[in-house]
N, C-alpha and C. Protein backbone atom coordinates (compact mmCIF):
# COMPACT_ATOMS: atom_id res chain seq x y z
N UNK A 1 0.85 -1.39 -0.06
CA UNK A 1 -0.16 0.05 -0.02
C UNK A 1 0.89 1.14 0.15
N UNK A 2 0.56 2.21 -0.99
CA UNK A 2 1.35 3.39 -1.13
C UNK A 2 0.18 4.54 -1.17
N UNK A 3 0.74 5.54 -0.47
CA UNK A 3 -0.01 6.73 -0.27
C UNK A 3 0.70 7.84 -1.03
N UNK A 4 0.25 8.67 -1.84
CA UNK A 4 1.03 9.67 -2.65
C UNK A 4 0.09 11.04 -2.39
N UNK A 5 1.02 12.16 -2.17
CA UNK A 5 0.21 13.34 -1.69
C UNK A 5 1.07 14.39 -2.48
N UNK A 6 0.26 15.07 -3.11
CA UNK A 6 0.57 16.07 -4.18
C UNK A 6 0.48 17.36 -3.56
N UNK A 7 1.49 18.47 -3.97
CA UNK A 7 1.37 19.69 -3.49
C UNK A 7 2.08 20.79 -4.60
N UNK A 8 1.83 22.04 -4.69
CA UNK A 8 2.48 23.13 -5.56
C UNK A 8 1.46 23.39 -6.76
N UNK A 9 0.28 22.76 -6.64
CA UNK A 9 -0.44 23.40 -7.78
C UNK A 9 -1.01 24.82 -7.45
N UNK A 10 -1.91 25.45 -8.52
CA UNK A 10 -2.25 26.77 -8.36
C UNK A 10 -2.23 27.49 -9.73
N UNK A 11 -2.35 28.73 -9.61
CA UNK A 11 -2.48 29.67 -10.83
C UNK A 11 -1.24 30.28 -11.16
N UNK A 12 -1.01 30.39 -12.60
CA UNK A 12 0.18 30.84 -13.33
C UNK A 12 -0.27 31.76 -14.33
N UNK A 13 0.60 32.81 -14.75
CA UNK A 13 0.39 33.44 -15.99
C UNK A 13 1.08 32.68 -17.29
N UNK A 14 0.75 32.67 -18.56
CA UNK A 14 1.42 32.15 -19.66
C UNK A 14 2.94 32.56 -19.38
N UNK A 15 3.86 31.80 -19.65
CA UNK A 15 5.07 32.01 -19.51
C UNK A 15 5.74 31.96 -18.09
N UNK A 16 4.97 31.80 -16.97
CA UNK A 16 5.31 31.70 -15.64
C UNK A 16 5.69 30.09 -15.41
N UNK A 17 5.99 30.06 -13.98
CA UNK A 17 6.50 28.67 -13.52
C UNK A 17 5.78 28.22 -12.27
N UNK A 18 5.64 26.88 -12.17
CA UNK A 18 5.14 26.19 -11.03
C UNK A 18 5.95 25.08 -10.75
N UNK A 19 5.88 24.75 -9.54
CA UNK A 19 6.73 23.44 -9.07
C UNK A 19 6.04 22.48 -8.06
N UNK A 20 5.61 21.12 -8.78
CA UNK A 20 4.88 20.32 -8.05
C UNK A 20 5.72 19.37 -7.40
N UNK A 21 5.11 18.70 -6.26
CA UNK A 21 5.97 17.76 -5.56
C UNK A 21 4.95 16.73 -5.21
N UNK A 22 5.42 15.59 -4.92
CA UNK A 22 4.79 14.58 -4.61
C UNK A 22 5.35 13.58 -3.54
N UNK A 23 4.93 13.35 -2.60
CA UNK A 23 5.55 12.16 -1.29
C UNK A 23 4.77 11.25 -1.40
N UNK A 24 5.63 9.97 -1.45
CA UNK A 24 5.20 8.82 -1.33
C UNK A 24 5.48 8.17 0.03
N UNK A 25 4.33 7.52 0.78
CA UNK A 25 4.71 6.95 1.74
C UNK A 25 4.06 5.46 2.08
N UNK A 26 4.27 4.63 2.63
CA UNK A 26 3.77 3.45 2.95
C UNK A 26 4.84 2.36 2.58
N UNK A 27 4.34 1.05 1.84
CA UNK A 27 5.01 0.23 1.59
C UNK A 27 5.75 0.22 0.00
N UNK A 28 7.13 0.92 0.11
CA UNK A 28 7.62 1.26 -1.10
C UNK A 28 8.75 0.66 -1.51
N UNK A 29 8.77 -0.15 -2.45
CA UNK A 29 9.79 -0.78 -3.08
C UNK A 29 10.99 0.38 -3.68
N UNK A 30 11.99 0.00 -3.39
CA UNK A 30 13.35 0.96 -4.04
C UNK A 30 13.37 1.13 -5.34
N UNK A 31 12.98 0.00 -6.14
CA UNK A 31 12.85 0.20 -7.56
C UNK A 31 11.60 0.27 -7.98
N UNK A 32 11.30 1.39 -8.73
CA UNK A 32 10.12 1.85 -8.97
C UNK A 32 9.86 2.84 -10.14
N UNK A 33 8.99 3.67 -10.42
CA UNK A 33 9.01 4.43 -11.45
C UNK A 33 8.00 5.57 -10.80
N UNK A 34 8.18 6.73 -10.71
CA UNK A 34 7.05 7.76 -10.46
C UNK A 34 7.05 9.06 -11.38
N UNK A 35 6.14 9.82 -11.33
CA UNK A 35 5.84 10.74 -12.18
C UNK A 35 4.69 11.22 -12.20
N UNK A 36 4.19 11.98 -13.36
CA UNK A 36 3.19 12.83 -13.45
C UNK A 36 2.19 12.44 -14.74
N UNK A 37 1.00 12.49 -14.47
CA UNK A 37 0.07 12.50 -15.66
C UNK A 37 -0.77 13.61 -15.54
N UNK A 38 -1.60 14.11 -16.47
CA UNK A 38 -2.33 15.16 -16.30
C UNK A 38 -3.71 14.80 -17.29
N UNK A 39 -4.72 15.56 -16.60
CA UNK A 39 -6.14 15.43 -17.28
C UNK A 39 -6.90 16.73 -17.52
N UNK A 40 -7.28 16.82 -18.67
CA UNK A 40 -8.15 18.21 -18.72
C UNK A 40 -9.53 17.70 -18.88
N UNK A 41 -10.51 18.61 -18.55
CA UNK A 41 -11.98 18.14 -18.55
C UNK A 41 -12.15 17.74 -20.11
N UNK A 42 -12.92 16.57 -20.01
CA UNK A 42 -13.27 16.16 -21.51
C UNK A 42 -12.34 15.59 -22.36
N UNK A 43 -11.03 15.09 -21.52
CA UNK A 43 -9.88 14.86 -22.19
C UNK A 43 -9.58 13.58 -21.47
N UNK A 44 -8.60 12.68 -22.06
CA UNK A 44 -8.17 11.35 -21.37
C UNK A 44 -6.74 12.04 -20.68
N UNK A 45 -6.62 11.13 -19.90
CA UNK A 45 -5.52 11.29 -18.86
C UNK A 45 -4.28 10.81 -19.87
N UNK A 46 -3.23 11.85 -19.80
CA UNK A 46 -2.18 11.80 -20.66
C UNK A 46 -0.81 11.88 -19.74
N UNK A 47 0.18 11.23 -20.09
CA UNK A 47 1.64 11.27 -19.44
C UNK A 47 2.18 12.39 -19.52
N UNK A 48 2.75 12.95 -18.49
CA UNK A 48 3.64 14.23 -18.81
C UNK A 48 4.94 13.90 -18.37
N UNK A 49 5.64 13.26 -17.48
CA UNK A 49 6.82 12.86 -17.19
C UNK A 49 6.95 11.77 -16.57
N UNK A 50 7.83 10.84 -16.53
CA UNK A 50 8.04 9.50 -15.58
C UNK A 50 9.62 9.77 -15.35
N UNK A 51 9.81 9.26 -14.17
CA UNK A 51 11.44 8.86 -13.86
C UNK A 51 11.52 7.91 -13.15
N UNK A 52 12.39 6.59 -13.49
CA UNK A 52 12.71 5.59 -12.64
C UNK A 52 13.75 5.96 -11.64
N UNK A 53 13.61 4.91 -10.65
CA UNK A 53 14.62 5.23 -9.31
C UNK A 53 16.09 5.06 -9.96
N UNK A 54 16.28 4.56 -11.12
CA UNK A 54 17.59 4.68 -11.53
C UNK A 54 17.96 5.94 -12.40
N UNK A 55 17.10 6.79 -12.50
CA UNK A 55 17.41 7.99 -13.24
C UNK A 55 16.72 8.23 -14.62
N UNK A 56 16.16 7.12 -15.16
CA UNK A 56 15.91 7.28 -16.58
C UNK A 56 14.61 7.80 -16.55
N UNK A 57 14.25 8.88 -17.55
CA UNK A 57 13.25 9.96 -17.57
C UNK A 57 12.55 9.73 -19.27
N UNK A 58 11.16 9.88 -19.11
CA UNK A 58 10.43 10.23 -20.34
C UNK A 58 9.53 11.32 -20.17
N UNK A 59 9.52 11.87 -21.38
CA UNK A 59 8.49 13.11 -21.29
C UNK A 59 7.70 13.16 -22.39
N UNK A 60 6.61 13.56 -22.20
CA UNK A 60 5.54 14.28 -23.25
C UNK A 60 6.22 15.11 -24.37
N UNK A 61 6.06 14.92 -25.70
CA UNK A 61 6.69 15.85 -26.51
C UNK A 61 6.10 17.46 -26.22
N UNK A 62 5.06 17.55 -25.54
CA UNK A 62 4.46 18.65 -25.49
C UNK A 62 5.08 19.64 -24.50
N UNK A 63 5.85 18.72 -23.67
CA UNK A 63 6.41 19.41 -22.45
C UNK A 63 8.03 19.41 -22.47
N UNK A 64 8.62 18.63 -23.46
CA UNK A 64 10.15 18.74 -23.65
C UNK A 64 10.59 20.06 -23.56
N UNK A 65 11.61 20.33 -22.99
CA UNK A 65 12.40 21.75 -22.79
C UNK A 65 11.72 22.60 -21.98
N UNK A 66 10.62 22.39 -21.44
CA UNK A 66 9.94 23.13 -20.38
C UNK A 66 9.68 22.62 -19.32
N UNK A 67 9.35 21.45 -18.98
CA UNK A 67 9.20 20.85 -17.76
C UNK A 67 10.53 19.84 -17.54
N UNK A 68 10.70 19.71 -16.28
CA UNK A 68 12.01 18.82 -15.81
C UNK A 68 11.56 18.07 -14.63
N UNK A 69 11.55 16.78 -14.69
CA UNK A 69 11.26 15.89 -13.52
C UNK A 69 12.52 15.51 -12.81
N UNK A 70 12.44 15.59 -11.51
CA UNK A 70 13.40 15.02 -10.77
C UNK A 70 13.09 14.34 -9.29
N UNK A 71 13.84 13.59 -8.69
CA UNK A 71 13.47 12.68 -7.68
C UNK A 71 14.48 12.80 -6.46
N UNK A 72 13.95 12.79 -5.35
CA UNK A 72 14.84 12.70 -4.25
C UNK A 72 14.61 11.25 -3.60
N UNK A 73 15.15 10.14 -3.81
CA UNK A 73 14.95 8.80 -3.60
C UNK A 73 14.79 8.44 -2.16
N UNK A 74 15.94 9.08 -1.44
CA UNK A 74 15.87 9.20 0.04
C UNK A 74 14.73 9.69 0.78
N UNK A 75 13.91 10.67 0.12
CA UNK A 75 12.50 11.18 0.59
C UNK A 75 11.56 10.68 -0.11
N UNK A 76 11.67 9.90 -0.99
CA UNK A 76 10.50 9.20 -1.67
C UNK A 76 9.75 10.35 -2.30
N UNK A 77 10.26 11.12 -2.92
CA UNK A 77 9.55 12.38 -3.29
C UNK A 77 10.01 12.77 -4.99
N UNK A 78 9.16 13.13 -5.70
CA UNK A 78 9.30 13.38 -7.15
C UNK A 78 8.57 14.76 -7.33
N UNK A 79 9.40 15.67 -8.03
CA UNK A 79 9.21 16.78 -8.45
C UNK A 79 8.81 17.19 -9.96
N UNK A 80 8.08 18.08 -10.21
CA UNK A 80 7.89 18.46 -11.61
C UNK A 80 8.13 20.21 -11.59
N UNK A 81 9.12 20.35 -12.07
CA UNK A 81 9.55 21.94 -12.30
C UNK A 81 8.97 22.24 -13.74
N UNK A 82 7.93 23.26 -13.77
CA UNK A 82 7.14 23.54 -15.08
C UNK A 82 7.50 25.15 -15.24
N UNK A 83 8.16 25.09 -16.39
CA UNK A 83 8.46 26.71 -16.64
C UNK A 83 7.87 26.70 -18.40
N UNK A 84 7.94 28.24 -18.35
CA UNK A 84 7.12 28.54 -19.84
C UNK A 84 5.88 27.99 -19.94
N UNK A 85 5.18 28.00 -18.78
CA UNK A 85 3.79 27.48 -18.87
C UNK A 85 2.83 28.18 -20.16
N UNK A 86 1.87 27.24 -20.62
CA UNK A 86 1.05 27.73 -21.50
C UNK A 86 -0.26 27.58 -21.05
N UNK A 87 -1.48 28.10 -21.85
CA UNK A 87 -2.81 27.74 -21.37
C UNK A 87 -3.02 26.31 -21.28
N UNK A 88 -2.43 25.57 -22.39
CA UNK A 88 -2.76 24.20 -22.55
C UNK A 88 -2.56 23.39 -21.79
N UNK A 89 -1.57 23.93 -20.82
CA UNK A 89 -1.11 22.89 -19.76
C UNK A 89 -1.92 22.93 -18.60
N UNK A 90 -2.99 24.02 -18.68
CA UNK A 90 -4.16 23.74 -17.53
C UNK A 90 -4.67 22.48 -17.46
N UNK A 91 -4.73 21.84 -16.21
CA UNK A 91 -5.13 20.48 -16.22
C UNK A 91 -5.09 19.96 -14.59
N UNK A 92 -5.66 18.75 -14.21
CA UNK A 92 -5.54 18.32 -13.03
C UNK A 92 -4.22 17.64 -13.14
N UNK A 93 -3.17 17.59 -12.31
CA UNK A 93 -1.93 16.67 -12.28
C UNK A 93 -2.00 15.76 -11.45
N UNK A 94 -1.72 14.51 -11.66
CA UNK A 94 -1.83 13.41 -10.75
C UNK A 94 -0.46 12.76 -10.65
N UNK A 95 -0.05 12.42 -9.57
CA UNK A 95 1.29 11.98 -9.16
C UNK A 95 1.00 10.33 -9.49
N UNK A 96 1.96 9.78 -9.82
CA UNK A 96 2.01 8.22 -10.24
C UNK A 96 3.11 7.48 -9.58
N UNK A 97 2.82 6.10 -9.31
CA UNK A 97 3.82 5.40 -8.62
C UNK A 97 3.61 4.13 -8.99
N UNK A 98 4.67 3.41 -9.61
CA UNK A 98 4.69 1.83 -9.85
C UNK A 98 5.80 1.14 -9.55
N UNK A 99 5.76 0.12 -8.63
CA UNK A 99 7.07 -0.60 -8.34
C UNK A 99 7.37 -1.70 -9.46
N UNK A 100 8.33 -2.43 -9.27
CA UNK A 100 8.87 -3.35 -10.51
C UNK A 100 8.05 -4.41 -10.63
N UNK A 101 7.15 -4.94 -9.63
CA UNK A 101 6.36 -5.79 -9.74
C UNK A 101 5.48 -6.06 -10.88
N UNK A 102 5.42 -6.80 -11.80
CA UNK A 102 4.45 -6.88 -13.00
C UNK A 102 2.81 -7.07 -12.75
N UNK A 103 2.67 -7.69 -11.55
CA UNK A 103 1.46 -8.04 -11.13
C UNK A 103 0.57 -6.89 -10.29
N UNK A 104 1.22 -5.84 -10.15
CA UNK A 104 0.53 -4.69 -9.22
C UNK A 104 0.07 -3.59 -10.17
N UNK A 105 -0.97 -2.90 -9.76
CA UNK A 105 -1.45 -1.63 -10.24
C UNK A 105 -0.60 -0.42 -9.93
N UNK A 106 -0.60 0.35 -10.72
CA UNK A 106 -0.04 1.73 -10.11
C UNK A 106 -0.79 2.27 -9.14
N UNK A 107 -0.10 3.16 -8.32
CA UNK A 107 -0.98 4.10 -7.41
C UNK A 107 -0.87 5.54 -7.94
N UNK A 108 -2.03 6.24 -7.64
CA UNK A 108 -2.33 7.67 -8.07
C UNK A 108 -2.72 8.37 -6.57
N UNK A 109 -2.16 9.72 -6.89
CA UNK A 109 -2.40 10.71 -6.17
C UNK A 109 -3.82 11.07 -6.12
N UNK A 110 -4.18 11.90 -5.37
CA UNK A 110 -5.44 12.86 -5.45
C UNK A 110 -5.58 13.79 -6.62
N UNK A 111 -4.67 14.39 -7.11
CA UNK A 111 -4.53 15.36 -8.00
C UNK A 111 -4.47 16.82 -7.48
N UNK A 112 -3.70 17.50 -8.28
CA UNK A 112 -3.70 19.09 -8.12
C UNK A 112 -3.79 19.82 -9.17
N UNK A 113 -4.52 20.77 -8.95
CA UNK A 113 -5.00 21.94 -10.29
C UNK A 113 -4.03 22.52 -10.54
N UNK A 114 -3.77 22.75 -11.92
CA UNK A 114 -2.81 23.89 -12.35
C UNK A 114 -3.53 24.56 -13.71
N UNK A 115 -3.85 25.81 -13.26
CA UNK A 115 -4.62 26.83 -14.09
C UNK A 115 -3.51 27.69 -14.57
N UNK A 116 -3.45 27.83 -15.97
CA UNK A 116 -2.56 28.82 -16.66
C UNK A 116 -3.21 29.75 -17.45
N UNK A 117 -3.59 30.95 -17.04
CA UNK A 117 -4.18 32.09 -17.50
C UNK A 117 -3.98 33.38 -17.44
N UNK A 118 -4.11 34.38 -18.22
CA UNK A 118 -3.83 35.65 -18.14
C UNK A 118 -4.93 36.41 -17.41
């Protein structure tokens, strides 16, 4: 059982920045993948960025060069630094956690709202 708590969402102007944080607690395997998905109203949840405990990253093409994912494995925390924000980044952002076991479903945070508008 893993619990994920997100923070850092809010309002930003186009071109501005926000930093999201997600802290995992509970029965955490050291080998895992954590990251972020987002979902706007009427749209499917989509990958934003993922990072393995070994340091491998994957980004959606729409955020490459603007967003940076990072981890502090000792704190079981993943971050998403979002720069050069655009209105189309507006969505609920969900933290994601999946350990190495193939028979386990991923865990999800409750979500944090990010709104980008002028």
